[in-house]
Amino acid sequence: MVGRDGRYHGEMLAELLVGALAANGCDVVDIGVCPTPTVQLAAEHSDAAGGVAVTASHNPMEWNGLKFVNGEGVFLDADENKELWKFAGMEPEYAPYKSTGKIVHDDFFLHDHIRRVLAIKSVDVEAIRRRHFKVVVDCVNAGGAVVVPALLNELGCTFVKMNCDTTGRFPRKPEPIPENLGAVMEWVRLEKADLGIVVDPDVDRLVLITEKGEPFSEEYTIAQAVKFIFSKTPAEKRIAAVNLSTTRAVDEIAQKLNGKVY
């Protein structure tokens, strides 16, 4: 599974990657412009051996890179990384022409990602649709430019798009931190929107803007999400998985609600 975040040289690099994989006998599904989490879901919910997202995450648009995930949609651990670098150090060895891989361009998993979000049991989709929220969305002209407006449309929201093409030309510094979000904060106030949504180029980071045009930081967002999910989940199933950069508030919420954190 291969996807990219939309930055302007991502298509070029993705084509090189897809071609090299096929030349080595791998069948490849090219999802196109999509979030890194979509690549992860595609790897997890298919028979793929893994996935690669062509992205430099929240870094400047002249940067690019690769994020690798295994067949379970999880980023490679230390041992898997060692195996990957063994391949990187080998002499190129291509498959015979009759054994080269097939390349399929298919955005099915982009739509499947939306379907899976709408199917989350703890989310009352119909209640959201009845509210007709007005949302300002800023996707920094990258990986979220297609999928975020599509999700909002499914949720019955009215939305105002800022920086929602897929040119990969970032109009501001792409990291979604308050000092980079002055324009979208002002636009939320001017539009009298209920909410602002800002994502980074490969859509694995999210910042919300309140109706007052103030940032609701990533730390608060994850804490509120955990609190909400735990409140809708039986006590024995209240489990959260975090990484080392996740706010300690998650641990405090889990302790208060008799949940577990790994």
C-alpha atoms as a PDB file:
ATOM      1  CA  MET A   1       0.000   0.000   0.000  1.00  0.00           C
ATOM      2  CA  VAL A   2       1.410   3.376  -0.991  1.00  0.00           C
ATOM      3  CA  GLY A   3      -0.026   6.823  -0.302  1.00  0.00           C
ATOM      4  CA  ARG A   4       1.338  10.363  -0.211  1.00  0.00           C
ATOM      5  CA  ASP A   5       0.604  13.603   1.577  1.00  0.00           C
ATOM      6  CA  GLY A   6       0.210  15.805  -1.510  1.00  0.00           C
ATOM      7  CA  ARG A   7       3.351  17.946  -1.275  1.00  0.00           C
ATOM      8  CA  TYR A   8       4.442  19.113  -4.695  1.00  0.00           C
ATOM      9  CA  HIS A   9       7.196  16.525  -5.361  1.00  0.00           C
ATOM     10  CA  GLY A  10       5.362  13.677  -3.634  1.00  0.00           C
ATOM     11  CA  GLU A  11       3.854  12.342  -6.857  1.00  0.00           C
ATOM     12  CA  MET A  12       7.306  12.067  -8.420  1.00  0.00           C
ATOM     13  CA  LEU A  13       8.709  10.178  -5.435  1.00  0.00           C
ATOM     14  CA  ALA A  14       5.631   7.948  -5.152  1.00  0.00           C
ATOM     15  CA  GLU A  15       5.973   6.947  -8.799  1.00  0.00           C
ATOM     16  CA  LEU A  16       9.622   6.027  -8.240  1.00  0.00           C
ATOM     17  CA  LEU A  17       8.675   3.996  -5.161  1.00  0.00           C
ATOM     18  CA  VAL A  18       5.768   2.203  -6.825  1.00  0.00           C
ATOM     19  CA  GLY A  19       7.852   1.425  -9.909  1.00  0.00           C
ATOM     20  CA  ALA A  20      10.756   0.064  -7.864  1.00  0.00           C
ATOM     21  CA  LEU A  21       8.438  -2.168  -5.827  1.00  0.00           C
ATOM     22  CA  ALA A  22       6.757  -3.523  -8.957  1.00  0.00           C
ATOM     23  CA  ALA A  23      10.156  -4.093 -10.601  1.00  0.00           C
ATOM     24  CA  ASN A  24      11.046  -6.262  -7.624  1.00  0.00           C
ATOM     25  CA  GLY A  25       7.923  -8.393  -8.076  1.00  0.00           C
ATOM     26  CA  CYS A  26       5.606  -6.674  -5.601  1.00  0.00           C
ATOM     27  CA  ASP A  27       1.974  -5.930  -6.390  1.00  0.00           C
ATOM     28  CA  VAL A  28       1.247  -2.344  -5.382  1.00  0.00           C
ATOM     29  CA  VAL A  29      -1.932  -0.414  -4.625  1.00  0.00           C
ATOM     30  CA  ASP A  30      -1.358   3.317  -5.071  1.00  0.00           C
ATOM     31  CA  ILE A  31      -3.990   5.124  -2.990  1.00  0.00           C
ATOM     32  CA  GLY A  32      -2.858   8.572  -4.094  1.00  0.00           C
ATOM     33  CA  VAL A  33      -3.160  11.661  -1.893  1.00  0.00           C
ATOM     34  CA  CYS A  34      -4.330  10.503   1.527  1.00  0.00           C
ATOM     35  CA  PRO A  35      -3.574  10.660   5.251  1.00  0.00           C
ATOM     36  CA  THR A  36      -0.816   8.487   6.664  1.00  0.00           C
ATOM     37  CA  PRO A  37      -3.470   6.812   8.886  1.00  0.00           C
ATOM     38  CA  THR A  38      -5.282   5.768   5.687  1.00  0.00           C
ATOM     39  CA  VAL A  39      -2.162   3.906   4.573  1.00  0.00           C
ATOM     40  CA  GLN A  40      -2.091   2.260   7.992  1.00  0.00           C
ATOM     41  CA  LEU A  41      -5.733   1.181   7.755  1.00  0.00           C
ATOM     42  CA  ALA A  42      -5.222  -0.076   4.215  1.00  0.00           C
ATOM     43  CA  ALA A  43      -2.318  -2.258   5.319  1.00  0.00           C
ATOM     44  CA  GLU A  44      -4.254  -3.549   8.323  1.00  0.00           C
ATOM     45  CA  HIS A  45      -7.483  -4.352   6.485  1.00  0.00           C
ATOM     46  CA  SER A  46      -6.012  -6.029   3.417  1.00  0.00           C
ATOM     47  CA  ASP A  47      -3.603  -8.820   2.640  1.00  0.00           C
ATOM     48  CA  ALA A  48      -0.762  -6.331   2.104  1.00  0.00           C
ATOM     49  CA  ALA A  49       2.655  -7.047   3.574  1.00  0.00           C
ATOM     50  CA  GLY A  50       2.859  -3.412   4.654  1.00  0.00           C
ATOM     51  CA  GLY A  51       2.550   0.164   3.541  1.00  0.00           C
ATOM     52  CA  VAL A  52       4.602   3.248   2.764  1.00  0.00           C
ATOM     53  CA  ALA A  53       3.486   6.861   3.167  1.00  0.00           C
ATOM     54  CA  VAL A  54       5.472   9.362   1.118  1.00  0.00           C
ATOM     55  CA  THR A  55       5.564  12.301   3.505  1.00  0.00           C
ATOM     56  CA  ALA A  56       7.738  14.582   5.581  1.00  0.00           C
ATOM     57  CA  SER A  57       4.911  14.977   8.113  1.00  0.00           C
ATOM     58  CA  HIS A  58       4.729  18.526   9.553  1.00  0.00           C
ATOM     59  CA  ASN A  59       8.081  19.619   8.112  1.00  0.00           C
ATOM     60  CA  PRO A  60       8.485  22.326   5.405  1.00  0.00           C
ATOM     61  CA  MET A  61       7.242  21.623   1.889  1.00  0.00           C
ATOM     62  CA  GLU A  62      10.716  21.251   0.371  1.00  0.00           C
ATOM     63  CA  TRP A  63      11.270  18.203   2.587  1.00  0.00           C
ATOM     64  CA  ASN A  64      10.017  14.698   1.889  1.00  0.00           C
ATOM     65  CA  GLY A  65      10.480  11.213   3.255  1.00  0.00           C
ATOM     66  CA  LEU A  66       8.980   7.771   3.797  1.00  0.00           C
ATOM     67  CA  LYS A  67       7.015   6.314   6.698  1.00  0.00           C
ATOM     68  CA  PHE A  68       6.909   2.511   6.782  1.00  0.00           C
ATOM     69  CA  VAL A  69       4.191   0.366   8.383  1.00  0.00           C
ATOM     70  CA  ASN A  70       3.894  -3.396   8.712  1.00  0.00           C
ATOM     71  CA  GLY A  71       1.019  -5.652   7.662  1.00  0.00           C
ATOM     72  CA  GLU A  72      -0.889  -4.772  10.834  1.00  0.00           C
ATOM     73  CA  GLY A  73      -0.772  -1.079   9.974  1.00  0.00           C
ATOM     74  CA  VAL A  74       1.721  -0.337  12.767  1.00  0.00           C
ATOM     75  CA  PHE A  75       4.951   1.606  12.335  1.00  0.00           C
ATOM     76  CA  LEU A  76       7.996  -0.653  12.176  1.00  0.00           C
ATOM     77  CA  ASP A  77       9.610  -1.581  15.476  1.00  0.00           C
ATOM     78  CA  ALA A  78      13.370  -1.825  16.045  1.00  0.00           C
ATOM     79  CA  ASP A  79      13.701  -5.387  14.709  1.00  0.00           C
ATOM     80  CA  GLU A  80      11.578  -4.665  11.643  1.00  0.00           C
ATOM     81  CA  ASN A  81      13.653  -1.573  10.934  1.00  0.00           C
ATOM     82  CA  LYS A  82      16.817  -3.684  11.021  1.00  0.00           C
ATOM     83  CA  GLU A  83      15.295  -6.021   8.434  1.00  0.00           C
ATOM     84  CA  LEU A  84      14.335  -3.072   6.253  1.00  0.00           C
ATOM     85  CA  TRP A  85      17.863  -1.676   6.290  1.00  0.00           C
ATOM     86  CA  LYS A  86      19.238  -5.063   5.291  1.00  0.00           C
ATOM     87  CA  PHE A  87      17.264  -4.751   2.067  1.00  0.00           C
ATOM     88  CA  ALA A  88      18.440  -1.185   1.616  1.00  0.00           C
ATOM     89  CA  GLY A  89      22.051  -2.360   1.693  1.00  0.00           C
ATOM     90  CA  MET A  90      21.635  -5.101  -0.903  1.00  0.00           C
ATOM     91  CA  GLU A  91      22.601  -4.866  -4.553  1.00  0.00           C
ATOM     92  CA  PRO A  92      19.531  -4.232  -6.758  1.00  0.00           C
ATOM     93  CA  GLU A  93      18.012  -7.458  -8.058  1.00  0.00           C
ATOM     94  CA  TYR A  94      14.942  -7.124 -10.244  1.00  0.00           C
ATOM     95  CA  ALA A  95      12.253  -9.674 -11.052  1.00  0.00           C
ATOM     96  CA  PRO A  96      12.095 -11.252 -14.547  1.00  0.00           C
ATOM     97  CA  TYR A  97       9.745  -9.321 -16.791  1.00  0.00           C
ATOM     98  CA  LYS A  98       7.015 -11.984 -16.509  1.00  0.00           C
ATOM     99  CA  SER A  99       7.162 -11.768 -12.708  1.00  0.00           C
ATOM    100  CA  THR A 100       7.014  -8.022 -12.196  1.00  0.00           C
ATOM    101  CA  GLY A 101       4.277  -6.777  -9.903  1.00  0.00           C
ATOM    102  CA  LYS A 102       0.954  -5.243 -10.846  1.00  0.00           C
ATOM    103  CA  ILE A 103       0.257  -1.579 -10.117  1.00  0.00           C
ATOM    104  CA  VAL A 104      -3.298  -0.559  -9.273  1.00  0.00           C
ATOM    105  CA  HIS A 105      -4.372   3.033  -8.683  1.00  0.00           C
ATOM    106  CA  ASP A 106      -7.339   2.830  -6.326  1.00  0.00           C
ATOM    107  CA  ASP A 107      -8.714   5.287  -3.759  1.00  0.00           C
ATOM    108  CA  PHE A 108     -11.068   2.687  -2.227  1.00  0.00           C
ATOM    109  CA  PHE A 109      -9.258   2.824   1.108  1.00  0.00           C
ATOM    110  CA  LEU A 110      -9.712   6.596   1.293  1.00  0.00           C
ATOM    111  CA  HIS A 111     -13.488   6.118   1.199  1.00  0.00           C
ATOM    112  CA  ASP A 112     -13.213   3.063   3.447  1.00  0.00           C
ATOM    113  CA  HIS A 113     -11.466   5.211   6.041  1.00  0.00           C
ATOM    114  CA  ILE A 114     -14.434   7.592   6.082  1.00  0.00           C
ATOM    115  CA  ARG A 115     -16.830   4.648   6.335  1.00  0.00           C
ATOM    116  CA  ARG A 116     -14.955   3.264   9.332  1.00  0.00           C
ATOM    117  CA  VAL A 117     -15.008   6.634  11.105  1.00  0.00           C
ATOM    118  CA  LEU A 118     -18.767   6.914  10.583  1.00  0.00           C
ATOM    119  CA  ALA A 119     -19.198   3.379  11.943  1.00  0.00           C
ATOM    120  CA  ILE A 120     -17.523   4.092  15.305  1.00  0.00           C
ATOM    121  CA  LYS A 121     -20.177   2.995  17.801  1.00  0.00           C
ATOM    122  CA  SER A 122     -19.526   5.727  20.343  1.00  0.00           C
ATOM    123  CA  VAL A 123     -20.103   8.507  17.788  1.00  0.00           C
ATOM    124  CA  ASP A 124     -23.733   9.563  17.280  1.00  0.00           C
ATOM    125  CA  VAL A 125     -23.538  10.447  13.604  1.00  0.00           C
ATOM    126  CA  GLU A 126     -27.226  11.345  13.317  1.00  0.00           C
ATOM    127  CA  ALA A 127     -26.997  13.741  16.256  1.00  0.00           C
ATOM    128  CA  ILE A 128     -24.061  15.482  14.580  1.00  0.00           C
ATOM    129  CA  ARG A 129     -25.985  15.713  11.319  1.00  0.00           C
ATOM    130  CA  ARG A 130     -28.954  17.301  13.091  1.00  0.00           C
ATOM    131  CA  ARG A 131     -26.727  20.061  14.469  1.00  0.00           C
ATOM    132  CA  HIS A 132     -25.595  21.277  11.013  1.00  0.00           C
ATOM    133  CA  PHE A 133     -22.288  22.539  12.371  1.00  0.00           C
ATOM    134  CA  LYS A 134     -20.465  25.259  10.486  1.00  0.00           C
ATOM    135  CA  VAL A 135     -16.767  24.413  10.246  1.00  0.00           C
ATOM    136  CA  VAL A 136     -13.707  26.194   8.860  1.00  0.00           C
ATOM    137  CA  VAL A 137     -11.202  23.599   7.666  1.00  0.00           C
ATOM    138  CA  ASP A 138      -7.526  24.201   6.844  1.00  0.00           C
ATOM    139  CA  CYS A 139      -5.654  21.279   5.248  1.00  0.00           C
ATOM    140  CA  VAL A 140      -2.514  23.226   4.265  1.00  0.00           C
ATOM    141  CA  ASN A 141      -3.039  22.112   0.616  1.00  0.00           C
ATOM    142  CA  ALA A 142      -1.902  18.581   1.385  1.00  0.00           C
ATOM    143  CA  GLY A 143      -3.050  15.130   2.479  1.00  0.00           C
ATOM    144  CA  GLY A 144      -6.315  16.114   4.150  1.00  0.00           C
ATOM    145  CA  ALA A 145      -7.610  18.279   1.318  1.00  0.00           C
ATOM    146  CA  VAL A 146      -9.858  15.512  -0.070  1.00  0.00           C
ATOM    147  CA  VAL A 147     -10.756  13.355   2.898  1.00  0.00           C
ATOM    148  CA  VAL A 148     -11.507  15.974   5.581  1.00  0.00           C
ATOM    149  CA  PRO A 149     -14.123  17.901   3.531  1.00  0.00           C
ATOM    150  CA  ALA A 150     -15.592  14.555   2.412  1.00  0.00           C
ATOM    151  CA  LEU A 151     -15.975  13.450   6.038  1.00  0.00           C
ATOM    152  CA  LEU A 152     -17.538  16.771   7.038  1.00  0.00           C
ATOM    153  CA  ASN A 153     -19.974  16.456   4.138  1.00  0.00           C
ATOM    154  CA  GLU A 154     -21.004  12.996   5.374  1.00  0.00           C
ATOM    155  CA  LEU A 155     -21.561  14.508   8.837  1.00  0.00           C
ATOM    156  CA  GLY A 156     -23.941  17.123   7.435  1.00  0.00           C
ATOM    157  CA  CYS A 157     -21.656  20.055   8.182  1.00  0.00           C
ATOM    158  CA  THR A 158     -21.482  23.327   6.333  1.00  0.00           C
ATOM    159  CA  PHE A 159     -17.820  24.022   5.815  1.00  0.00           C
ATOM    160  CA  VAL A 160     -15.578  26.785   4.622  1.00  0.00           C
ATOM    161  CA  LYS A 161     -12.402  25.501   2.983  1.00  0.00           C
ATOM    162  CA  MET A 162      -9.038  27.153   3.496  1.00  0.00           C
ATOM    163  CA  ASN A 163      -5.969  25.737   1.767  1.00  0.00           C
ATOM    164  CA  CYS A 164      -7.820  22.646   0.559  1.00  0.00           C
ATOM    165  CA  ASP A 165      -6.271  21.893  -2.806  1.00  0.00           C
ATOM    166  CA  THR A 166      -3.662  19.176  -3.336  1.00  0.00           C
ATOM    167  CA  THR A 167      -0.908  21.270  -4.892  1.00  0.00           C
ATOM    168  CA  GLY A 168       1.341  20.712  -1.885  1.00  0.00           C
ATOM    169  CA  ARG A 169       2.193  24.411  -1.888  1.00  0.00           C
ATOM    170  CA  PHE A 170       1.982  25.257   1.787  1.00  0.00           C
ATOM    171  CA  PRO A 171       0.683  28.805   2.374  1.00  0.00           C
ATOM    172  CA  ARG A 172       2.136  28.891   5.892  1.00  0.00           C
ATOM    173  CA  LYS A 173       4.399  26.853   8.134  1.00  0.00           C
ATOM    174  CA  PRO A 174       2.733  23.447   8.114  1.00  0.00           C
ATOM    175  CA  GLU A 175       3.064  22.443  11.768  1.00  0.00           C
ATOM    176  CA  PRO A 176      -0.382  23.028  13.354  1.00  0.00           C
ATOM    177  CA  ILE A 177       0.728  25.019  16.375  1.00  0.00           C
ATOM    178  CA  PRO A 178      -0.939  28.296  17.491  1.00  0.00           C
ATOM    179  CA  GLU A 179       1.728  30.647  16.127  1.00  0.00           C
ATOM    180  CA  ASN A 180       1.080  29.265  12.609  1.00  0.00           C
ATOM    181  CA  LEU A 181      -2.721  29.418  12.741  1.00  0.00           C
ATOM    182  CA  GLY A 182      -3.521  33.131  12.927  1.00  0.00           C
ATOM    183  CA  ALA A 183      -5.409  33.197   9.619  1.00  0.00           C
ATOM    184  CA  VAL A 184      -7.678  30.254  10.359  1.00  0.00           C
ATOM    185  CA  MET A 185      -8.393  31.520  13.877  1.00  0.00           C
ATOM    186  CA  GLU A 186      -9.451  34.877  12.422  1.00  0.00           C
ATOM    187  CA  TRP A 187     -11.535  33.166   9.742  1.00  0.00           C
ATOM    188  CA  VAL A 188     -13.446  31.135  12.349  1.00  0.00           C
ATOM    189  CA  ARG A 189     -14.387  34.389  14.080  1.00  0.00           C
ATOM    190  CA  LEU A 190     -15.335  36.158  10.837  1.00  0.00           C
ATOM    191  CA  GLU A 191     -17.460  33.244   9.619  1.00  0.00           C
ATOM    192  CA  LYS A 192     -19.043  32.844  13.063  1.00  0.00           C
ATOM    193  CA  ALA A 193     -18.253  29.153  12.738  1.00  0.00           C
ATOM    194  CA  ASP A 194     -18.870  26.557  15.416  1.00  0.00           C
ATOM    195  CA  LEU A 195     -15.451  25.039  14.986  1.00  0.00           C
ATOM    196  CA  GLY A 196     -12.186  25.154  13.098  1.00  0.00           C
ATOM    197  CA  ILE A 197     -10.287  22.030  12.051  1.00  0.00           C
ATOM    198  CA  VAL A 198      -6.598  22.160  11.156  1.00  0.00           C
ATOM    199  CA  VAL A 199      -4.476  19.167  10.150  1.00  0.00           C
ATOM    200  CA  ASP A 200      -0.813  18.757   9.298  1.00  0.00           C
ATOM    201  CA  PRO A 201       0.277  17.679   5.786  1.00  0.00           C
ATOM    202  CA  ASP A 202      -0.147  13.920   6.337  1.00  0.00           C
ATOM    203  CA  VAL A 203      -3.153  14.282   8.662  1.00  0.00           C
ATOM    204  CA  ASP A 204      -1.801  12.471  11.698  1.00  0.00           C
ATOM    205  CA  ARG A 205      -2.001  15.644  13.790  1.00  0.00           C
ATOM    206  CA  LEU A 206      -5.130  17.638  14.521  1.00  0.00           C
ATOM    207  CA  VAL A 207      -5.792  20.999  16.152  1.00  0.00           C
ATOM    208  CA  LEU A 208      -9.282  22.302  16.812  1.00  0.00           C
ATOM    209  CA  ILE A 209     -10.198  25.989  16.905  1.00  0.00           C
ATOM    210  CA  THR A 210     -13.031  26.993  19.246  1.00  0.00           C
ATOM    211  CA  GLU A 211     -15.959  29.157  18.188  1.00  0.00           C
ATOM    212  CA  LYS A 212     -14.082  32.076  19.797  1.00  0.00           C
ATOM    213  CA  GLY A 213     -11.215  31.607  17.353  1.00  0.00           C
ATOM    214  CA  GLU A 214      -8.908  30.190  20.016  1.00  0.00           C
ATOM    215  CA  PRO A 215      -6.798  27.036  19.631  1.00  0.00           C
ATOM    216  CA  PHE A 216      -7.869  23.936  21.550  1.00  0.00           C
ATOM    217  CA  SER A 217      -4.472  22.289  21.740  1.00  0.00           C
ATOM    218  CA  GLU A 218      -3.551  18.753  20.706  1.00  0.00           C
ATOM    219  CA  GLU A 219      -3.044  17.802  24.359  1.00  0.00           C
ATOM    220  CA  TYR A 220      -6.595  18.828  25.216  1.00  0.00           C
ATOM    221  CA  THR A 221      -7.984  17.151  22.101  1.00  0.00           C
ATOM    222  CA  ILE A 222      -6.561  13.709  22.915  1.00  0.00           C
ATOM    223  CA  ALA A 223      -7.567  14.062  26.560  1.00  0.00           C
ATOM    224  CA  GLN A 224     -11.157  14.904  25.639  1.00  0.00           C
ATOM    225  CA  ALA A 225     -11.281  12.064  23.107  1.00  0.00           C
ATOM    226  CA  VAL A 226     -10.104   9.525  25.688  1.00  0.00           C
ATOM    227  CA  LYS A 227     -12.537  10.853  28.295  1.00  0.00           C
ATOM    228  CA  PHE A 228     -15.421  10.627  25.827  1.00  0.00           C
ATOM    229  CA  ILE A 229     -14.589   7.112  24.597  1.00  0.00           C
ATOM    230  CA  PHE A 230     -14.077   5.826  28.152  1.00  0.00           C
ATOM    231  CA  SER A 231     -17.453   7.284  29.158  1.00  0.00           C
ATOM    232  CA  LYS A 232     -19.121   5.238  26.407  1.00  0.00           C
ATOM    233  CA  THR A 233     -17.182   2.023  27.089  1.00  0.00           C
ATOM    234  CA  PRO A 234     -17.709  -0.716  29.707  1.00  0.00           C
ATOM    235  CA  ALA A 235     -15.155  -0.500  32.516  1.00  0.00           C
ATOM    236  CA  GLU A 236     -13.366  -3.716  31.582  1.00  0.00           C
ATOM    237  CA  LYS A 237     -12.753  -2.423  28.046  1.00  0.00           C
ATOM    238  CA  ARG A 238     -11.448   1.059  28.923  1.00  0.00           C
ATOM    239  CA  ILE A 239      -7.998   0.773  27.385  1.00  0.00           C
ATOM    240  CA  ALA A 240      -5.909   3.524  25.780  1.00  0.00           C
ATOM    241  CA  ALA A 241      -2.636   3.124  23.880  1.00  0.00           C
ATOM    242  CA  VAL A 242      -0.314   6.125  23.848  1.00  0.00           C
ATOM    243  CA  ASN A 243       3.208   7.050  22.807  1.00  0.00           C
ATOM    244  CA  LEU A 244       5.904   8.870  24.745  1.00  0.00           C
ATOM    245  CA  SER A 245       4.764  12.305  23.562  1.00  0.00           C
ATOM    246  CA  THR A 246       1.153  11.884  24.713  1.00  0.00           C
ATOM    247  CA  THR A 247      -0.014  14.161  27.512  1.00  0.00           C
ATOM    248  CA  ARG A 248      -0.038  12.748  31.047  1.00  0.00           C
ATOM    249  CA  ALA A 249      -3.651  13.893  31.278  1.00  0.00           C
ATOM    250  CA  VAL A 250      -4.582  10.596  29.613  1.00  0.00           C
ATOM    251  CA  ASP A 251      -3.117   8.684  32.559  1.00  0.00           C
ATOM    252  CA  GLU A 252      -5.045  10.862  34.985  1.00  0.00           C
ATOM    253  CA  ILE A 253      -8.311  10.367  33.105  1.00  0.00           C
ATOM    254  CA  ALA A 254      -7.752   6.616  32.951  1.00  0.00           C
ATOM    255  CA  GLN A 255      -7.066   6.471  36.676  1.00  0.00           C
ATOM    256  CA  LYS A 256     -10.210   8.465  37.456  1.00  0.00           C
ATOM    257  CA  LEU A 257     -12.401   6.313  35.192  1.00  0.00           C
ATOM    258  CA  ASN A 258     -10.798   2.961  36.102  1.00  0.00           C
ATOM    259  CA  GLY A 259      -9.188   2.547  32.686  1.00  0.00           C
ATOM    260  CA  LYS A 260      -5.795   1.247  31.607  1.00  0.00           C
ATOM    261  CA  VAL A 261      -3.073   2.953  29.592  1.00  0.00           C
ATOM    262  CA  TYR A 262      -0.384   1.165  27.588  1.00  0.00           C
END
